[in-house]
């Protein structure tokens, strides 16, 4: 029986050239904030921000999340 191959995009992250905002959530137990920090480290020129939030940041910190995104895309 053949084992399923592991899919990873890690080696492709340094190839990203689009403006990228990575947001880590310090209280996220599903995706630890360390993963977001590593994602930011691997995407050249990316911007990074952290919110004191869990995994459902859209519901937990909607105003702060919206502000980060607006600032990133340059919308007042």
PDB file of N, CA and C in Angstrom:
ATOM      1  N   UNK A   1       0.838  -1.183   0.000  1.00  0.00           N
ATOM      2  CA  UNK A   1       0.000   0.000   0.000  1.00  0.00           C
ATOM      3  C   UNK A   1       0.882   1.246   0.000  1.00  0.00           C
ATOM      4  N   UNK A   2       0.554   2.162  -0.840  1.00  0.00           N
ATOM      5  CA  UNK A   2       1.327   3.398  -0.971  1.00  0.00           C
ATOM      6  C   UNK A   2       0.876   4.425   0.061  1.00  0.00           C
ATOM      7  N   UNK A   3       1.849   5.039   0.694  1.00  0.00           N
ATOM      8  CA  UNK A   3       1.552   6.092   1.676  1.00  0.00           C
ATOM      9  C   UNK A   3       1.193   7.377   0.956  1.00  0.00           C
ATOM     10  N   UNK A   4       0.213   8.109   1.477  1.00  0.00           N
ATOM     11  CA  UNK A   4      -0.102   9.406   0.861  1.00  0.00           C
ATOM     12  C   UNK A   4       1.072  10.361   1.025  1.00  0.00           C
ATOM     13  N   UNK A   5       1.307  11.162   0.018  1.00  0.00           N
ATOM     14  CA  UNK A   5       2.420  12.108   0.100  1.00  0.00           C
ATOM     15  C   UNK A   5       2.048  13.281   1.001  1.00  0.00           C
ATOM     16  N   UNK A   6       3.046  13.795   1.658  1.00  0.00           N
ATOM     17  CA  UNK A   6       2.856  14.955   2.511  1.00  0.00           C
ATOM     18  C   UNK A   6       2.913  16.211   1.640  1.00  0.00           C
ATOM     19  N   UNK A   7       1.929  17.047   1.765  1.00  0.00           N
ATOM     20  CA  UNK A   7       1.886  18.273   0.973  1.00  0.00           C
ATOM     21  C   UNK A   7       2.350  19.424   1.845  1.00  0.00           C
ATOM     22  N   UNK A   8       3.327  20.134   1.371  1.00  0.00           N
ATOM     23  CA  UNK A   8       3.810  21.302   2.105  1.00  0.00           C
ATOM     24  C   UNK A   8       4.108  22.416   1.123  1.00  0.00           C
ATOM     25  N   UNK A   9       3.791  23.605   1.516  1.00  0.00           N
ATOM     26  CA  UNK A   9       4.078  24.759   0.679  1.00  0.00           C
ATOM     27  C   UNK A   9       5.239  25.564   1.261  1.00  0.00           C
ATOM     28  N   UNK A  10       5.817  25.078   2.319  1.00  0.00           N
ATOM     29  CA  UNK A  10       6.885  25.787   3.020  1.00  0.00           C
ATOM     30  C   UNK A  10       8.000  26.256   2.088  1.00  0.00           C
ATOM     31  N   UNK A  11       8.451  25.382   1.204  1.00  0.00           N
ATOM     32  CA  UNK A  11       9.564  25.756   0.328  1.00  0.00           C
ATOM     33  C   UNK A  11       9.160  26.785  -0.728  1.00  0.00           C
ATOM     34  N   UNK A  12       7.851  26.958  -0.929  1.00  0.00           N
ATOM     35  CA  UNK A  12       7.380  27.927  -1.921  1.00  0.00           C
ATOM     36  C   UNK A  12       7.157  29.321  -1.327  1.00  0.00           C
ATOM     37  N   UNK A  13       7.103  29.413  -0.015  1.00  0.00           N
ATOM     38  CA  UNK A  13       6.831  30.705   0.622  1.00  0.00           C
ATOM     39  C   UNK A  13       7.834  31.788   0.233  1.00  0.00           C
ATOM     40  N   UNK A  14       9.129  31.504   0.135  1.00  0.00           N
ATOM     41  CA  UNK A  14      10.074  32.553  -0.264  1.00  0.00           C
ATOM     42  C   UNK A  14       9.846  33.083  -1.685  1.00  0.00           C
ATOM     43  N   UNK A  15       9.014  32.408  -2.468  1.00  0.00           N
ATOM     44  CA  UNK A  15       8.739  32.847  -3.838  1.00  0.00           C
ATOM     45  C   UNK A  15       7.612  33.876  -3.907  1.00  0.00           C
ATOM     46  N   UNK A  16       6.913  34.088  -2.810  1.00  0.00           N
ATOM     47  CA  UNK A  16       5.797  35.047  -2.801  1.00  0.00           C
ATOM     48  C   UNK A  16       6.340  36.458  -2.970  1.00  0.00           C
ATOM     49  N   UNK A  17       5.774  37.175  -3.934  1.00  0.00           N
ATOM     50  CA  UNK A  17       6.209  38.556  -4.181  1.00  0.00           C
ATOM     51  C   UNK A  17       5.088  39.566  -3.931  1.00  0.00           C
ATOM     52  N   UNK A  18       3.886  39.100  -3.745  1.00  0.00           N
ATOM     53  CA  UNK A  18       2.753  40.001  -3.490  1.00  0.00           C
ATOM     54  C   UNK A  18       2.848  40.568  -2.083  1.00  0.00           C
ATOM     55  N   UNK A  19       2.386  41.797  -1.886  1.00  0.00           N
ATOM     56  CA  UNK A  19       2.331  42.335  -0.530  1.00  0.00           C
ATOM     57  C   UNK A  19       1.536  41.392   0.362  1.00  0.00           C
ATOM     58  N   UNK A  20       2.089  41.069   1.519  1.00  0.00           N
ATOM     59  CA  UNK A  20       1.478  40.059   2.383  1.00  0.00           C
ATOM     60  C   UNK A  20       1.438  40.543   3.824  1.00  0.00           C
ATOM     61  N   UNK A  21       0.273  40.414   4.416  1.00  0.00           N
ATOM     62  CA  UNK A  21       0.102  40.714   5.839  1.00  0.00           C
ATOM     63  C   UNK A  21      -0.173  39.399   6.555  1.00  0.00           C
ATOM     64  N   UNK A  22       0.638  39.090   7.539  1.00  0.00           N
ATOM     65  CA  UNK A  22       0.444  37.899   8.359  1.00  0.00           C
ATOM     66  C   UNK A  22       0.006  38.371   9.739  1.00  0.00           C
ATOM     67  N   UNK A  23      -1.105  37.833  10.208  1.00  0.00           N
ATOM     68  CA  UNK A  23      -1.615  38.210  11.532  1.00  0.00           C
ATOM     69  C   UNK A  23      -1.605  36.978  12.421  1.00  0.00           C
ATOM     70  N   UNK A  24      -0.884  37.073  13.520  1.00  0.00           N
ATOM     71  CA  UNK A  24      -0.846  36.002  14.503  1.00  0.00           C
ATOM     72  C   UNK A  24      -1.797  36.311  15.637  1.00  0.00           C
ATOM     73  N   UNK A  25      -2.413  35.280  16.175  1.00  0.00           N
ATOM     74  CA  UNK A  25      -3.342  35.439  17.294  1.00  0.00           C
ATOM     75  C   UNK A  25      -2.751  34.739  18.514  1.00  0.00           C
ATOM     76  N   UNK A  26      -2.435  35.522  19.526  1.00  0.00           N
ATOM     77  CA  UNK A  26      -1.679  35.008  20.666  1.00  0.00           C
ATOM     78  C   UNK A  26      -2.416  33.976  21.508  1.00  0.00           C
ATOM     79  N   UNK A  27      -3.739  33.933  21.428  1.00  0.00           N
ATOM     80  CA  UNK A  27      -4.521  32.981  22.224  1.00  0.00           C
ATOM     81  C   UNK A  27      -5.084  31.839  21.375  1.00  0.00           C
ATOM     82  N   UNK A  28      -4.592  31.712  20.154  1.00  0.00           N
ATOM     83  CA  UNK A  28      -5.099  30.685  19.231  1.00  0.00           C
ATOM     84  C   UNK A  28      -4.478  29.332  19.566  1.00  0.00           C
ATOM     85  N   UNK A  29      -5.322  28.390  19.968  1.00  0.00           N
ATOM     86  CA  UNK A  29      -4.824  27.065  20.324  1.00  0.00           C
ATOM     87  C   UNK A  29      -4.878  26.098  19.141  1.00  0.00           C
ATOM     88  N   UNK A  30      -5.553  26.482  18.060  1.00  0.00           N
ATOM     89  CA  UNK A  30      -5.593  25.636  16.864  1.00  0.00           C
ATOM     90  C   UNK A  30      -4.412  25.905  15.944  1.00  0.00           C
ATOM     91  N   UNK A  31      -4.074  27.181  15.799  1.00  0.00           N
ATOM     92  CA  UNK A  31      -2.904  27.580  15.005  1.00  0.00           C
ATOM     93  C   UNK A  31      -2.023  28.423  15.926  1.00  0.00           C
ATOM     94  N   UNK A  32      -1.047  27.813  16.570  1.00  0.00           N
ATOM     95  CA  UNK A  32      -0.202  28.556  17.510  1.00  0.00           C
ATOM     96  C   UNK A  32       0.463  29.770  16.859  1.00  0.00           C
ATOM     97  N   UNK A  33       0.581  30.824  17.623  1.00  0.00           N
ATOM     98  CA  UNK A  33       1.139  32.073  17.107  1.00  0.00           C
ATOM     99  C   UNK A  33       2.546  31.870  16.543  1.00  0.00           C
ATOM    100  N   UNK A  34       3.260  30.891  17.036  1.00  0.00           N
ATOM    101  CA  UNK A  34       4.601  30.610  16.508  1.00  0.00           C
ATOM    102  C   UNK A  34       4.544  30.241  15.027  1.00  0.00           C
ATOM    103  N   UNK A  35       3.465  29.607  14.609  1.00  0.00           N
ATOM    104  CA  UNK A  35       3.316  29.264  13.188  1.00  0.00           C
ATOM    105  C   UNK A  35       3.166  30.522  12.338  1.00  0.00           C
ATOM    106  N   UNK A  36       2.422  31.494  12.855  1.00  0.00           N
ATOM    107  CA  UNK A  36       2.258  32.758  12.128  1.00  0.00           C
ATOM    108  C   UNK A  36       3.578  33.514  12.051  1.00  0.00           C
ATOM    109  N   UNK A  37       4.320  33.496  13.140  1.00  0.00           N
ATOM    110  CA  UNK A  37       5.628  34.160  13.139  1.00  0.00           C
ATOM    111  C   UNK A  37       6.560  33.514  12.122  1.00  0.00           C
ATOM    112  N   UNK A  38       6.531  32.193  12.030  1.00  0.00           N
ATOM    113  CA  UNK A  38       7.361  31.478  11.062  1.00  0.00           C
ATOM    114  C   UNK A  38       6.910  31.773   9.638  1.00  0.00           C
ATOM    115  N   UNK A  39       5.625  31.838   9.408  1.00  0.00           N
ATOM    116  CA  UNK A  39       5.092  32.184   8.093  1.00  0.00           C
ATOM    117  C   UNK A  39       5.611  33.554   7.670  1.00  0.00           C
ATOM    118  N   UNK A  40       5.536  34.501   8.567  1.00  0.00           N
ATOM    119  CA  UNK A  40       6.050  35.855   8.301  1.00  0.00           C
ATOM    120  C   UNK A  40       7.545  35.817   7.984  1.00  0.00           C
ATOM    121  N   UNK A  41       8.280  35.043   8.741  1.00  0.00           N
ATOM    122  CA  UNK A  41       9.724  34.952   8.534  1.00  0.00           C
ATOM    123  C   UNK A  41      10.054  34.385   7.149  1.00  0.00           C
ATOM    124  N   UNK A  42       9.231  33.503   6.651  1.00  0.00           N
ATOM    125  CA  UNK A  42       9.511  32.829   5.379  1.00  0.00           C
ATOM    126  C   UNK A  42       8.990  33.572   4.146  1.00  0.00           C
ATOM    127  N   UNK A  43       8.151  34.583   4.347  1.00  0.00           N
ATOM    128  CA  UNK A  43       7.649  35.362   3.209  1.00  0.00           C
ATOM    129  C   UNK A  43       8.415  36.681   3.164  1.00  0.00           C
ATOM    130  N   UNK A  44       9.284  36.845   2.179  1.00  0.00           N
ATOM    131  CA  UNK A  44      10.104  38.054   2.098  1.00  0.00           C
ATOM    132  C   UNK A  44       9.256  39.324   2.040  1.00  0.00           C
ATOM    133  N   UNK A  45       9.635  40.296   2.857  1.00  0.00           N
ATOM    134  CA  UNK A  45       8.965  41.593   2.837  1.00  0.00           C
ATOM    135  C   UNK A  45       7.568  41.604   3.429  1.00  0.00           C
ATOM    136  N   UNK A  46       7.136  40.508   4.010  1.00  0.00           N
ATOM    137  CA  UNK A  46       5.790  40.497   4.591  1.00  0.00           C
ATOM    138  C   UNK A  46       5.742  41.380   5.827  1.00  0.00           C
ATOM    139  N   UNK A  47       4.544  41.837   6.138  1.00  0.00           N
ATOM    140  CA  UNK A  47       4.318  42.604   7.367  1.00  0.00           C
ATOM    141  C   UNK A  47       3.657  41.685   8.371  1.00  0.00           C
ATOM    142  N   UNK A  48       3.934  41.924   9.643  1.00  0.00           N
ATOM    143  CA  UNK A  48       3.426  41.051  10.689  1.00  0.00           C
ATOM    144  C   UNK A  48       2.763  41.862  11.786  1.00  0.00           C
ATOM    145  N   UNK A  49       1.664  41.338  12.278  1.00  0.00           N
ATOM    146  CA  UNK A  49       0.973  41.939  13.422  1.00  0.00           C
ATOM    147  C   UNK A  49       0.417  40.805  14.278  1.00  0.00           C
ATOM    148  N   UNK A  50       0.231  41.093  15.547  1.00  0.00           N
ATOM    149  CA  UNK A  50      -0.368  40.118  16.457  1.00  0.00           C
ATOM    150  C   UNK A  50      -1.565  40.743  17.148  1.00  0.00           C
ATOM    151  N   UNK A  51      -2.561  39.910  17.362  1.00  0.00           N
ATOM    152  CA  UNK A  51      -3.728  40.328  18.126  1.00  0.00           C
ATOM    153  C   UNK A  51      -3.892  39.390  19.310  1.00  0.00           C
ATOM    154  N   UNK A  52      -4.350  39.932  20.422  1.00  0.00           N
ATOM    155  CA  UNK A  52      -4.635  39.125  21.608  1.00  0.00           C
ATOM    156  C   UNK A  52      -5.998  38.499  21.392  1.00  0.00           C
ATOM    157  N   UNK A  53      -6.007  37.411  20.644  1.00  0.00           N
ATOM    158  CA  UNK A  53      -7.251  36.779  20.242  1.00  0.00           C
ATOM    159  C   UNK A  53      -7.047  35.285  20.098  1.00  0.00           C
ATOM    160  N   UNK A  54      -8.163  34.571  20.051  1.00  0.00           N
ATOM    161  CA  UNK A  54      -8.137  33.151  19.759  1.00  0.00           C
ATOM    162  C   UNK A  54      -8.313  32.918  18.271  1.00  0.00           C
ATOM    163  N   UNK A  55      -8.724  31.717  17.920  1.00  0.00           N
ATOM    164  CA  UNK A  55      -8.814  31.306  16.518  1.00  0.00           C
ATOM    165  C   UNK A  55      -9.899  32.046  15.739  1.00  0.00           C
ATOM    166  N   UNK A  56     -10.940  32.486  16.415  1.00  0.00           N
ATOM    167  CA  UNK A  56     -12.055  33.143  15.727  1.00  0.00           C
ATOM    168  C   UNK A  56     -11.909  34.656  15.854  1.00  0.00           C
ATOM    169  N   UNK A  57     -10.801  35.154  15.381  1.00  0.00           N
ATOM    170  CA  UNK A  57     -10.450  36.568  15.510  1.00  0.00           C
ATOM    171  C   UNK A  57     -11.506  37.482  14.889  1.00  0.00           C
ATOM    172  N   UNK A  58     -12.168  37.036  13.849  1.00  0.00           N
ATOM    173  CA  UNK A  58     -13.191  37.857  13.186  1.00  0.00           C
ATOM    174  C   UNK A  58     -14.335  38.187  14.144  1.00  0.00           C
ATOM    175  N   UNK A  59     -14.632  37.273  15.042  1.00  0.00           N
ATOM    176  CA  UNK A  59     -15.695  37.522  16.023  1.00  0.00           C
ATOM    177  C   UNK A  59     -15.156  38.099  17.326  1.00  0.00           C
ATOM    178  N   UNK A  60     -13.926  37.743  17.681  1.00  0.00           N
ATOM    179  CA  UNK A  60     -13.363  38.163  18.960  1.00  0.00           C
ATOM    180  C   UNK A  60     -12.809  39.580  18.936  1.00  0.00           C
ATOM    181  N   UNK A  61     -12.190  39.966  17.835  1.00  0.00           N
ATOM    182  CA  UNK A  61     -11.555  41.279  17.717  1.00  0.00           C
ATOM    183  C   UNK A  61     -11.825  41.903  16.344  1.00  0.00           C
ATOM    184  N   UNK A  62     -13.106  42.057  15.984  1.00  0.00           N
ATOM    185  CA  UNK A  62     -13.408  42.531  14.626  1.00  0.00           C
ATOM    186  C   UNK A  62     -12.875  43.934  14.325  1.00  0.00           C
ATOM    187  N   UNK A  63     -12.965  44.830  15.273  1.00  0.00           N
ATOM    188  CA  UNK A  63     -12.505  46.203  15.026  1.00  0.00           C
ATOM    189  C   UNK A  63     -10.994  46.249  14.825  1.00  0.00           C
ATOM    190  N   UNK A  64     -10.262  45.549  15.680  1.00  0.00           N
ATOM    191  CA  UNK A  64      -8.799  45.548  15.567  1.00  0.00           C
ATOM    192  C   UNK A  64      -8.345  44.870  14.280  1.00  0.00           C
ATOM    193  N   UNK A  65      -8.995  43.763  13.926  1.00  0.00           N
ATOM    194  CA  UNK A  65      -8.649  43.062  12.694  1.00  0.00           C
ATOM    195  C   UNK A  65      -8.923  43.945  11.477  1.00  0.00           C
ATOM    196  N   UNK A  66     -10.074  44.574  11.470  1.00  0.00           N
ATOM    197  CA  UNK A  66     -10.432  45.463  10.359  1.00  0.00           C
ATOM    198  C   UNK A  66      -9.435  46.601  10.239  1.00  0.00           C
ATOM    199  N   UNK A  67      -9.030  47.171  11.347  1.00  0.00           N
ATOM    200  CA  UNK A  67      -8.065  48.272  11.330  1.00  0.00           C
ATOM    201  C   UNK A  67      -6.723  47.825  10.741  1.00  0.00           C
ATOM    202  N   UNK A  68      -6.245  46.655  11.143  1.00  0.00           N
ATOM    203  CA  UNK A  68      -4.989  46.134  10.594  1.00  0.00           C
ATOM    204  C   UNK A  68      -5.079  45.950   9.083  1.00  0.00           C
ATOM    205  N   UNK A  69      -6.178  45.390   8.625  1.00  0.00           N
ATOM    206  CA  UNK A  69      -6.341  45.155   7.190  1.00  0.00           C
ATOM    207  C   UNK A  69      -6.476  46.465   6.438  1.00  0.00           C
ATOM    208  N   UNK A  70      -7.264  47.387   6.957  1.00  0.00           N
ATOM    209  CA  UNK A  70      -7.408  48.695   6.301  1.00  0.00           C
ATOM    210  C   UNK A  70      -6.079  49.424   6.206  1.00  0.00           C
ATOM    211  N   UNK A  71      -5.324  49.397   7.280  1.00  0.00           N
ATOM    212  CA  UNK A  71      -4.008  50.035   7.270  1.00  0.00           C
ATOM    213  C   UNK A  71      -3.102  49.385   6.227  1.00  0.00           C
ATOM    214  N   UNK A  72      -3.151  48.077   6.145  1.00  0.00           N
ATOM    215  CA  UNK A  72      -2.306  47.350   5.205  1.00  0.00           C
ATOM    216  C   UNK A  72      -2.649  47.670   3.758  1.00  0.00           C
ATOM    217  N   UNK A  73      -3.942  47.741   3.440  1.00  0.00           N
ATOM    218  CA  UNK A  73      -4.327  48.004   2.052  1.00  0.00           C
ATOM    219  C   UNK A  73      -4.457  49.483   1.736  1.00  0.00           C
ATOM    220  N   UNK A  74      -4.257  50.320   2.771  1.00  0.00           N
ATOM    221  CA  UNK A  74      -4.262  51.764   2.549  1.00  0.00           C
ATOM    222  C   UNK A  74      -5.641  52.372   2.414  1.00  0.00           C
ATOM    223  N   UNK A  75      -6.631  51.793   3.106  1.00  0.00           N
ATOM    224  CA  UNK A  75      -7.988  52.326   3.090  1.00  0.00           C
ATOM    225  C   UNK A  75      -8.269  52.998   4.425  1.00  0.00           C
ATOM    226  N   UNK A  76      -8.733  54.235   4.384  1.00  0.00           N
ATOM    227  CA  UNK A  76      -9.024  54.938   5.656  1.00  0.00           C
ATOM    228  C   UNK A  76     -10.192  54.349   6.421  1.00  0.00           C
TER     229      UNK A  76
END
